[in-house]
Amino acid sequence: MIIPKKRRRLVKLSEISPYGCSAPESFNSIEPSLKMIAGSYYIPKYNESKPLGEDSHFICAEKQIFGVADGVGGWAKKGIDPGEYARELMESSVFAIEDKPEGGVNPMVVLNEAFLNTEAQGSSTACILTLKGDVLHAVNIGDSGFVVIRGWKIVYKSPVQHRRFNCPLQLGNWRDNPSMAEELKVGVIPGDIVVAGTDGLFDNLYESEIEELVFRGIHVQRNFPAELASTIAKFALINSMDRLAVCPFTIAAQEAGLEFMGGKIDDITVVVAYIGSSPN
């Protein structure tokens, strides 16, 4: 089904950062019980002609929401920069958030409005999350996603939407629309850690590796969210460049009948959010 798009002129950011939003990195739940403090790190895969890479993301403090997107690389074969769609989708998400009341941000509504107002060629996966009270609300399409870590163990991982190996569901031109996305709700408690990212993260690190990095980063090194996001992203990068590594992508490729070894060279976006009690 083709959904007609609203035509609204967007402010074009010619030098937009891959971060998508320059808002502060901490935000409080509208409910006084919990707060979420978030930070991010982005490593675009090396391409001299496309220095911004194919991922994009944003963190917005006022409306307690963040999101990640991954432009689908196959568009490069058609002469289209895959990152254009992802960046405009995240840019449009920020516009969609602006007119929403505090405490009333619905990630699905944001994603739908962003989709309708994104006019770039291409397509992208997307995951948008917000904290309301003690519940994490998320909408996800494709193979970006998030995990919730409690007591140093992953207690929840968002499901992946694939048509087939290495072909995720994706918003965009002649592709899927937000009706295909999954709405997710996950209860959280103080001390939980949310790690969100694009497939460049989850294809190159096992869950056990993410758990270990979070434990070391918080318990041993006492990292802030942005520092921990940087550490996780850099470990994913190391695995992606290792031609002998056995990563989640390696196993998935072999299960699909492909002869493949090593990590998956890709853009890597990581957002880390700490869940804590809000001062009264």
C-alpha atoms as a PDB file:
ATOM      1  CA  MET A   1       0.000   0.000   0.000  1.00  0.00           C
ATOM      2  CA  ILE A   2       1.329   3.441  -0.915  1.00  0.00           C
ATOM      3  CA  ILE A   3       0.756   6.122   1.717  1.00  0.00           C
ATOM      4  CA  PRO A   4       0.587   9.661   0.293  1.00  0.00           C
ATOM      5  CA  LYS A   5       3.089  11.956   1.919  1.00  0.00           C
ATOM      6  CA  LYS A   6       2.300  15.353   3.405  1.00  0.00           C
ATOM      7  CA  ARG A   7       4.320  18.119   1.841  1.00  0.00           C
ATOM      8  CA  ARG A   8       5.959  20.242   4.491  1.00  0.00           C
ATOM      9  CA  ARG A   9       9.091  22.210   3.878  1.00  0.00           C
ATOM     10  CA  LEU A  10      11.853  21.023   6.178  1.00  0.00           C
ATOM     11  CA  VAL A  11      14.751  23.145   7.274  1.00  0.00           C
ATOM     12  CA  LYS A  12      17.664  21.563   5.440  1.00  0.00           C
ATOM     13  CA  LEU A  13      20.793  21.170   7.529  1.00  0.00           C
ATOM     14  CA  SER A  14      23.551  21.074   4.956  1.00  0.00           C
ATOM     15  CA  GLU A  15      26.183  20.135   7.508  1.00  0.00           C
ATOM     16  CA  ILE A  16      24.026  18.023   9.805  1.00  0.00           C
ATOM     17  CA  SER A  17      25.953  16.008  12.382  1.00  0.00           C
ATOM     18  CA  PRO A  18      25.473  12.241  12.331  1.00  0.00           C
ATOM     19  CA  TYR A  19      24.056  12.734  15.811  1.00  0.00           C
ATOM     20  CA  GLY A  20      20.953  14.341  14.284  1.00  0.00           C
ATOM     21  CA  CYS A  21      20.148  16.440  17.348  1.00  0.00           C
ATOM     22  CA  SER A  22      22.292  18.693  19.494  1.00  0.00           C
ATOM     23  CA  ALA A  23      20.040  18.534  22.549  1.00  0.00           C
ATOM     24  CA  PRO A  24      21.561  17.853  25.990  1.00  0.00           C
ATOM     25  CA  GLU A  25      22.267  14.241  26.805  1.00  0.00           C
ATOM     26  CA  SER A  26      20.128  13.864  29.944  1.00  0.00           C
ATOM     27  CA  PHE A  27      16.403  13.925  30.422  1.00  0.00           C
ATOM     28  CA  ASN A  28      13.923  13.165  33.164  1.00  0.00           C
ATOM     29  CA  SER A  29      10.777  11.088  33.106  1.00  0.00           C
ATOM     30  CA  ILE A  30       7.575  13.097  33.502  1.00  0.00           C
ATOM     31  CA  GLU A  31       6.806  10.732  36.380  1.00  0.00           C
ATOM     32  CA  PRO A  32       8.948  11.705  39.401  1.00  0.00           C
ATOM     33  CA  SER A  33       9.998   8.099  40.029  1.00  0.00           C
ATOM     34  CA  LEU A  34      12.568   7.590  37.277  1.00  0.00           C
ATOM     35  CA  LYS A  35      14.977   9.484  35.068  1.00  0.00           C
ATOM     36  CA  MET A  36      16.985   8.492  32.022  1.00  0.00           C
ATOM     37  CA  ILE A  37      20.458   9.831  31.275  1.00  0.00           C
ATOM     38  CA  ALA A  38      21.701   9.071  27.763  1.00  0.00           C
ATOM     39  CA  GLY A  39      24.839   9.438  25.689  1.00  0.00           C
ATOM     40  CA  SER A  40      25.899   8.293  22.246  1.00  0.00           C
ATOM     41  CA  TYR A  41      28.787   7.489  19.950  1.00  0.00           C
ATOM     42  CA  TYR A  42      28.884   7.067  16.186  1.00  0.00           C
ATOM     43  CA  ILE A  43      31.592   5.526  13.983  1.00  0.00           C
ATOM     44  CA  PRO A  44      30.819   5.826  10.250  1.00  0.00           C
ATOM     45  CA  LYS A  45      32.521   3.257   8.076  1.00  0.00           C
ATOM     46  CA  TYR A  46      35.299   4.820   6.053  1.00  0.00           C
ATOM     47  CA  ASN A  47      34.172   6.304   2.761  1.00  0.00           C
ATOM     48  CA  GLU A  48      35.957   9.440   1.618  1.00  0.00           C
ATOM     49  CA  SER A  49      33.037  10.506  -0.577  1.00  0.00           C
ATOM     50  CA  LYS A  50      30.452   9.962   2.197  1.00  0.00           C
ATOM     51  CA  PRO A  51      32.081  11.108   5.455  1.00  0.00           C
ATOM     52  CA  LEU A  52      28.757  11.164   7.346  1.00  0.00           C
ATOM     53  CA  GLY A  53      28.204   7.463   6.752  1.00  0.00           C
ATOM     54  CA  GLU A  54      24.783   5.827   6.489  1.00  0.00           C
ATOM     55  CA  ASP A  55      23.567   5.950  10.123  1.00  0.00           C
ATOM     56  CA  SER A  56      21.911   8.795  11.986  1.00  0.00           C
ATOM     57  CA  HIS A  57      20.503   9.334  15.457  1.00  0.00           C
ATOM     58  CA  PHE A  58      19.204  11.939  17.884  1.00  0.00           C
ATOM     59  CA  ILE A  59      18.857  12.476  21.631  1.00  0.00           C
ATOM     60  CA  CYS A  60      16.362  15.156  22.750  1.00  0.00           C
ATOM     61  CA  ALA A  61      16.229  16.125  26.405  1.00  0.00           C
ATOM     62  CA  GLU A  62      13.012  18.079  26.685  1.00  0.00           C
ATOM     63  CA  LYS A  63      10.763  15.322  25.338  1.00  0.00           C
ATOM     64  CA  GLN A  64      12.703  12.359  26.862  1.00  0.00           C
ATOM     65  CA  ILE A  65      13.234  10.542  23.600  1.00  0.00           C
ATOM     66  CA  PHE A  66      16.013   9.224  21.365  1.00  0.00           C
ATOM     67  CA  GLY A  67      16.233   7.321  18.122  1.00  0.00           C
ATOM     68  CA  VAL A  68      18.596   5.583  15.716  1.00  0.00           C
ATOM     69  CA  ALA A  69      18.348   4.913  11.990  1.00  0.00           C
ATOM     70  CA  ASP A  70      20.451   2.998   9.455  1.00  0.00           C
ATOM     71  CA  GLY A  71      20.249   3.831   5.759  1.00  0.00           C
ATOM     72  CA  VAL A  72      20.076   0.666   3.645  1.00  0.00           C
ATOM     73  CA  GLY A  73      23.351   0.337   1.739  1.00  0.00           C
ATOM     74  CA  GLY A  74      21.890  -1.283  -1.361  1.00  0.00           C
ATOM     75  CA  TRP A  75      20.789   2.120  -2.649  1.00  0.00           C
ATOM     76  CA  ALA A  76      24.418   2.985  -3.388  1.00  0.00           C
ATOM     77  CA  LYS A  77      24.184   0.678  -6.435  1.00  0.00           C
ATOM     78  CA  LYS A  78      21.563   3.074  -7.818  1.00  0.00           C
ATOM     79  CA  GLY A  79      23.785   6.115  -7.241  1.00  0.00           C
ATOM     80  CA  ILE A  80      21.870   7.171  -4.111  1.00  0.00           C
ATOM     81  CA  ASP A  81      23.598   8.052  -0.831  1.00  0.00           C
ATOM     82  CA  PRO A  82      21.982   5.607   1.660  1.00  0.00           C
ATOM     83  CA  GLY A  83      22.647   7.998   4.543  1.00  0.00           C
ATOM     84  CA  GLU A  84      20.457  10.766   3.103  1.00  0.00           C
ATOM     85  CA  TYR A  85      17.215   9.005   3.983  1.00  0.00           C
ATOM     86  CA  ALA A  86      18.350   8.053   7.502  1.00  0.00           C
ATOM     87  CA  ARG A  87      19.485  11.593   8.287  1.00  0.00           C
ATOM     88  CA  GLU A  88      16.279  13.182   7.022  1.00  0.00           C
ATOM     89  CA  LEU A  89      14.177  10.589   8.872  1.00  0.00           C
ATOM     90  CA  MET A  90      15.870  11.466  12.166  1.00  0.00           C
ATOM     91  CA  GLU A  91      15.699  15.186  11.350  1.00  0.00           C
ATOM     92  CA  SER A  92      11.985  14.798  10.656  1.00  0.00           C
ATOM     93  CA  SER A  93      11.579  12.918  13.939  1.00  0.00           C
ATOM     94  CA  VAL A  94      12.939  15.918  15.808  1.00  0.00           C
ATOM     95  CA  PHE A  95      10.455  18.166  13.974  1.00  0.00           C
ATOM     96  CA  ALA A  96       7.638  15.760  14.879  1.00  0.00           C
ATOM     97  CA  ILE A  97       8.592  15.873  18.544  1.00  0.00           C
ATOM     98  CA  GLU A  98       8.588  19.665  18.760  1.00  0.00           C
ATOM     99  CA  ASP A  99       4.808  20.116  18.770  1.00  0.00           C
ATOM    100  CA  LYS A 100       4.063  17.256  21.169  1.00  0.00           C
ATOM    101  CA  PRO A 101       3.153  18.037  24.802  1.00  0.00           C
ATOM    102  CA  GLU A 102       5.529  16.925  27.526  1.00  0.00           C
ATOM    103  CA  GLY A 103       4.604  13.440  28.625  1.00  0.00           C
ATOM    104  CA  GLY A 104       2.548  12.901  25.484  1.00  0.00           C
ATOM    105  CA  VAL A 105       5.185  11.720  23.016  1.00  0.00           C
ATOM    106  CA  ASN A 106       4.157   8.504  21.291  1.00  0.00           C
ATOM    107  CA  PRO A 107       7.090   6.936  19.399  1.00  0.00           C
ATOM    108  CA  MET A 108       4.787   5.431  16.767  1.00  0.00           C
ATOM    109  CA  VAL A 109       3.201   8.816  16.067  1.00  0.00           C
ATOM    110  CA  VAL A 110       6.662  10.365  15.812  1.00  0.00           C
ATOM    111  CA  LEU A 111       7.860   7.670  13.412  1.00  0.00           C
ATOM    112  CA  ASN A 112       4.750   7.976  11.259  1.00  0.00           C
ATOM    113  CA  GLU A 113       5.027  11.773  11.001  1.00  0.00           C
ATOM    114  CA  ALA A 114       8.738  11.525  10.281  1.00  0.00           C
ATOM    115  CA  PHE A 115       8.068   8.995   7.536  1.00  0.00           C
ATOM    116  CA  LEU A 116       5.418  11.198   5.926  1.00  0.00           C
ATOM    117  CA  ASN A 117       7.772  14.176   5.926  1.00  0.00           C
ATOM    118  CA  THR A 118      10.915  12.433   4.674  1.00  0.00           C
ATOM    119  CA  GLU A 119      11.370  13.023   0.955  1.00  0.00           C
ATOM    120  CA  ALA A 120      14.913  11.803   0.313  1.00  0.00           C
ATOM    121  CA  GLN A 121      15.427   8.798  -1.914  1.00  0.00           C
ATOM    122  CA  GLY A 122      16.398   5.585  -0.192  1.00  0.00           C
ATOM    123  CA  SER A 123      15.202   3.642   2.831  1.00  0.00           C
ATOM    124  CA  SER A 124      16.183   3.045   6.433  1.00  0.00           C
ATOM    125  CA  THR A 125      15.617   0.953   9.522  1.00  0.00           C
ATOM    126  CA  ALA A 126      14.579   2.881  12.634  1.00  0.00           C
ATOM    127  CA  CYS A 127      14.190   2.501  16.386  1.00  0.00           C
ATOM    128  CA  ILE A 128      12.753   5.259  18.607  1.00  0.00           C
ATOM    129  CA  LEU A 129      12.469   5.011  22.414  1.00  0.00           C
ATOM    130  CA  THR A 130      11.077   7.152  25.221  1.00  0.00           C
ATOM    131  CA  LEU A 131      10.645   6.700  28.985  1.00  0.00           C
ATOM    132  CA  LYS A 132       7.233   7.288  30.574  1.00  0.00           C
ATOM    133  CA  GLY A 133       7.099   6.640  34.283  1.00  0.00           C
ATOM    134  CA  ASP A 134       8.652   3.219  34.746  1.00  0.00           C
ATOM    135  CA  VAL A 135       7.946   1.943  31.236  1.00  0.00           C
ATOM    136  CA  LEU A 136      10.185   2.200  28.189  1.00  0.00           C
ATOM    137  CA  HIS A 137       8.043   2.777  25.085  1.00  0.00           C
ATOM    138  CA  ALA A 138       9.624   1.935  21.740  1.00  0.00           C
ATOM    139  CA  VAL A 139       8.826   1.501  18.078  1.00  0.00           C
ATOM    140  CA  ASN A 140      11.140  -0.520  15.879  1.00  0.00           C
ATOM    141  CA  ILE A 141      11.340  -1.542  12.243  1.00  0.00           C
ATOM    142  CA  GLY A 142      14.182  -3.569  10.766  1.00  0.00           C
ATOM    143  CA  ASP A 143      17.394  -4.635  12.464  1.00  0.00           C
ATOM    144  CA  SER A 144      18.283  -1.618  14.554  1.00  0.00           C
ATOM    145  CA  GLY A 145      17.154  -2.170  18.130  1.00  0.00           C
ATOM    146  CA  PHE A 146      17.944  -2.171  21.834  1.00  0.00           C
ATOM    147  CA  VAL A 147      18.584  -4.310  24.890  1.00  0.00           C
ATOM    148  CA  VAL A 148      17.760  -3.740  28.554  1.00  0.00           C
ATOM    149  CA  ILE A 149      20.405  -4.871  31.032  1.00  0.00           C
ATOM    150  CA  ARG A 150      19.562  -5.547  34.689  1.00  0.00           C
ATOM    151  CA  GLY A 151      22.042  -6.909  37.183  1.00  0.00           C
ATOM    152  CA  TRP A 152      24.616  -7.130  34.371  1.00  0.00           C
ATOM    153  CA  LYS A 153      22.414  -9.502  32.349  1.00  0.00           C
ATOM    154  CA  ILE A 154      20.262  -8.747  29.312  1.00  0.00           C
ATOM    155  CA  VAL A 155      16.642  -9.174  30.376  1.00  0.00           C
ATOM    156  CA  TYR A 156      15.091  -7.929  27.141  1.00  0.00           C
ATOM    157  CA  LYS A 157      16.160  -7.671  23.504  1.00  0.00           C
ATOM    158  CA  SER A 158      13.978  -6.098  20.825  1.00  0.00           C
ATOM    159  CA  PRO A 159      12.999  -8.485  18.011  1.00  0.00           C
ATOM    160  CA  VAL A 160      14.606  -8.168  14.564  1.00  0.00           C
ATOM    161  CA  GLN A 161      12.464  -7.860  11.444  1.00  0.00           C
ATOM    162  CA  HIS A 162      14.051  -9.508   8.402  1.00  0.00           C
ATOM    163  CA  ARG A 163      12.608 -10.610   5.078  1.00  0.00           C
ATOM    164  CA  ARG A 164      15.641 -12.785   4.567  1.00  0.00           C
ATOM    165  CA  PHE A 165      19.294 -12.755   5.560  1.00  0.00           C
ATOM    166  CA  ASN A 166      20.745  -9.240   5.532  1.00  0.00           C
ATOM    167  CA  CYS A 167      17.508  -7.767   4.170  1.00  0.00           C
ATOM    168  CA  PRO A 168      15.638  -5.995   6.988  1.00  0.00           C
ATOM    169  CA  LEU A 169      12.245  -4.359   6.829  1.00  0.00           C
ATOM    170  CA  GLN A 170      12.840  -0.698   6.027  1.00  0.00           C
ATOM    171  CA  LEU A 171      10.972   2.569   5.736  1.00  0.00           C
ATOM    172  CA  GLY A 172      11.292   4.438   2.475  1.00  0.00           C
ATOM    173  CA  ASN A 173      10.752   4.635  -1.242  1.00  0.00           C
ATOM    174  CA  TRP A 174       8.733   1.671  -2.555  1.00  0.00           C
ATOM    175  CA  ARG A 175       9.432  -0.139   0.695  1.00  0.00           C
ATOM    176  CA  ASP A 176       7.624  -0.566   4.015  1.00  0.00           C
ATOM    177  CA  ASN A 177       5.643   1.961   6.029  1.00  0.00           C
ATOM    178  CA  PRO A 178       5.251   2.455   9.804  1.00  0.00           C
ATOM    179  CA  SER A 179       2.318   0.036   9.946  1.00  0.00           C
ATOM    180  CA  MET A 180       4.959  -2.713   9.668  1.00  0.00           C
ATOM    181  CA  ALA A 181       6.821  -1.478  12.757  1.00  0.00           C
ATOM    182  CA  GLU A 182       6.474  -3.136  16.163  1.00  0.00           C
ATOM    183  CA  GLU A 183       5.370  -1.172  19.216  1.00  0.00           C
ATOM    184  CA  LEU A 184       7.169  -2.369  22.338  1.00  0.00           C
ATOM    185  CA  LYS A 185       6.755  -1.668  26.056  1.00  0.00           C
ATOM    186  CA  VAL A 186       9.313  -2.754  28.634  1.00  0.00           C
ATOM    187  CA  GLY A 187       9.131  -2.124  32.368  1.00  0.00           C
ATOM    188  CA  VAL A 188      12.335  -0.722  33.851  1.00  0.00           C
ATOM    189  CA  ILE A 189      13.687  -0.124  37.351  1.00  0.00           C
ATOM    190  CA  PRO A 190      16.481   2.051  38.770  1.00  0.00           C
ATOM    191  CA  GLY A 191      19.848   0.633  37.789  1.00  0.00           C
ATOM    192  CA  ASP A 192      18.738  -0.712  34.415  1.00  0.00           C
ATOM    193  CA  ILE A 193      20.903   0.079  31.399  1.00  0.00           C
ATOM    194  CA  VAL A 194      19.493   0.519  27.898  1.00  0.00           C
ATOM    195  CA  VAL A 195      21.894  -0.075  24.992  1.00  0.00           C
ATOM    196  CA  ALA A 196      20.437   0.844  21.602  1.00  0.00           C
ATOM    197  CA  GLY A 197      22.100   0.808  18.220  1.00  0.00           C
ATOM    198  CA  THR A 198      22.133  -0.022  14.558  1.00  0.00           C
ATOM    199  CA  ASP A 199      23.035  -3.433  13.171  1.00  0.00           C
ATOM    200  CA  GLY A 200      26.691  -2.421  13.078  1.00  0.00           C
ATOM    201  CA  LEU A 201      26.571  -2.955  16.843  1.00  0.00           C
ATOM    202  CA  PHE A 202      24.463  -6.106  17.094  1.00  0.00           C
ATOM    203  CA  ASP A 203      26.048  -7.847  14.087  1.00  0.00           C
ATOM    204  CA  ASN A 204      29.508  -7.549  15.610  1.00  0.00           C
ATOM    205  CA  LEU A 205      29.008  -8.115  19.347  1.00  0.00           C
ATOM    206  CA  TYR A 206      27.384 -11.032  21.127  1.00  0.00           C
ATOM    207  CA  GLU A 207      24.999 -10.318  23.994  1.00  0.00           C
ATOM    208  CA  SER A 208      27.572 -11.659  26.451  1.00  0.00           C
ATOM    209  CA  GLU A 209      30.158  -9.178  25.137  1.00  0.00           C
ATOM    210  CA  ILE A 210      27.746  -6.266  25.565  1.00  0.00           C
ATOM    211  CA  GLU A 211      26.997  -7.431  29.119  1.00  0.00           C
ATOM    212  CA  GLU A 212      30.707  -7.609  29.951  1.00  0.00           C
ATOM    213  CA  LEU A 213      31.430  -4.176  28.480  1.00  0.00           C
ATOM    214  CA  VAL A 214      28.567  -2.636  30.445  1.00  0.00           C
ATOM    215  CA  PHE A 215      29.720  -4.293  33.679  1.00  0.00           C
ATOM    216  CA  ARG A 216      33.308  -3.127  33.209  1.00  0.00           C
ATOM    217  CA  GLY A 217      32.279   0.334  32.100  1.00  0.00           C
ATOM    218  CA  ILE A 218      29.994   0.977  35.063  1.00  0.00           C
ATOM    219  CA  HIS A 219      31.270  -1.199  37.901  1.00  0.00           C
ATOM    220  CA  VAL A 220      35.012  -0.857  37.231  1.00  0.00           C
ATOM    221  CA  GLN A 221      35.552   2.306  35.189  1.00  0.00           C
ATOM    222  CA  ARG A 222      32.420   4.209  36.319  1.00  0.00           C
ATOM    223  CA  ASN A 223      31.817   5.578  32.845  1.00  0.00           C
ATOM    224  CA  PHE A 224      29.235   8.185  31.937  1.00  0.00           C
ATOM    225  CA  PRO A 225      26.774   7.044  29.226  1.00  0.00           C
ATOM    226  CA  ALA A 226      28.666   8.687  26.345  1.00  0.00           C
ATOM    227  CA  GLU A 227      31.940   7.113  27.506  1.00  0.00           C
ATOM    228  CA  LEU A 228      30.354   3.681  27.723  1.00  0.00           C
ATOM    229  CA  ALA A 229      28.728   4.134  24.302  1.00  0.00           C
ATOM    230  CA  SER A 230      32.176   4.976  22.910  1.00  0.00           C
ATOM    231  CA  THR A 231      33.744   1.871  24.468  1.00  0.00           C
ATOM    232  CA  ILE A 232      31.025  -0.418  23.126  1.00  0.00           C
ATOM    233  CA  ALA A 233      31.177   1.101  19.633  1.00  0.00           C
ATOM    234  CA  LYS A 234      34.965   0.764  19.474  1.00  0.00           C
ATOM    235  CA  PHE A 235      34.850  -2.905  20.475  1.00  0.00           C
ATOM    236  CA  ALA A 236      32.245  -3.509  17.769  1.00  0.00           C
ATOM    237  CA  LEU A 237      34.576  -1.749  15.320  1.00  0.00           C
ATOM    238  CA  ILE A 238      37.488  -4.009  16.266  1.00  0.00           C
ATOM    239  CA  ASN A 239      35.389  -7.105  15.619  1.00  0.00           C
ATOM    240  CA  SER A 240      34.042  -5.704  12.355  1.00  0.00           C
ATOM    241  CA  MET A 241      37.574  -5.316  11.002  1.00  0.00           C
ATOM    242  CA  ASP A 242      38.777  -8.753  12.153  1.00  0.00           C
ATOM    243  CA  ARG A 243      38.683 -11.144   9.180  1.00  0.00           C
ATOM    244  CA  LEU A 244      38.997 -14.135  11.530  1.00  0.00           C
ATOM    245  CA  ALA A 245      36.396 -13.068  14.078  1.00  0.00           C
ATOM    246  CA  VAL A 246      33.300 -15.178  14.652  1.00  0.00           C
ATOM    247  CA  CYS A 247      30.497 -12.667  15.239  1.00  0.00           C
ATOM    248  CA  PRO A 248      26.694 -12.880  15.180  1.00  0.00           C
ATOM    249  CA  PHE A 249      26.790 -11.805  11.521  1.00  0.00           C
ATOM    250  CA  THR A 250      29.299 -14.565  10.732  1.00  0.00           C
ATOM    251  CA  ILE A 251      27.008 -17.226  12.153  1.00  0.00           C
ATOM    252  CA  ALA A 252      23.919 -15.793  10.449  1.00  0.00           C
ATOM    253  CA  ALA A 253      25.705 -15.717   7.082  1.00  0.00           C
ATOM    254  CA  GLN A 254      26.839 -19.309   7.420  1.00  0.00           C
ATOM    255  CA  GLU A 255      23.344 -20.413   8.459  1.00  0.00           C
ATOM    256  CA  ALA A 256      22.084 -18.723   5.274  1.00  0.00           C
ATOM    257  CA  GLY A 257      24.456 -20.918   3.261  1.00  0.00           C
ATOM    258  CA  LEU A 258      27.142 -18.311   2.593  1.00  0.00           C
ATOM    259  CA  GLU A 259      30.868 -18.850   2.963  1.00  0.00           C
ATOM    260  CA  PHE A 260      31.749 -15.916   5.173  1.00  0.00           C
ATOM    261  CA  MET A 261      34.279 -15.271   7.917  1.00  0.00           C
ATOM    262  CA  GLY A 262      35.007 -12.250  10.036  1.00  0.00           C
ATOM    263  CA  GLY A 263      32.960  -9.325  11.254  1.00  0.00           C
ATOM    264  CA  LYS A 264      30.674  -7.086   9.252  1.00  0.00           C
ATOM    265  CA  ILE A 265      32.243  -3.775   8.205  1.00  0.00           C
ATOM    266  CA  ASP A 266      29.470  -1.257   8.785  1.00  0.00           C
ATOM    267  CA  ASP A 267      28.514   2.061  10.347  1.00  0.00           C
ATOM    268  CA  ILE A 268      28.193   1.677  14.118  1.00  0.00           C
ATOM    269  CA  THR A 269      25.828   3.760  16.237  1.00  0.00           C
ATOM    270  CA  VAL A 270      25.482   3.167  19.988  1.00  0.00           C
ATOM    271  CA  VAL A 271      23.200   4.991  22.447  1.00  0.00           C
ATOM    272  CA  VAL A 272      23.483   4.130  26.149  1.00  0.00           C
ATOM    273  CA  ALA A 273      20.875   5.257  28.691  1.00  0.00           C
ATOM    274  CA  TYR A 274      21.087   4.865  32.475  1.00  0.00           C
ATOM    275  CA  ILE A 275      17.797   4.470  34.344  1.00  0.00           C
ATOM    276  CA  GLY A 276      17.826   5.975  37.821  1.00  0.00           C
ATOM    277  CA  SER A 277      15.635   7.395  40.553  1.00  0.00           C
ATOM    278  CA  SER A 278      14.646  11.004  40.161  1.00  0.00           C
ATOM    279  CA  PRO A 279      15.299  13.274  43.175  1.00  0.00           C
ATOM    280  CA  ASN A 280      12.080  14.376  44.882  1.00  0.00           C
END
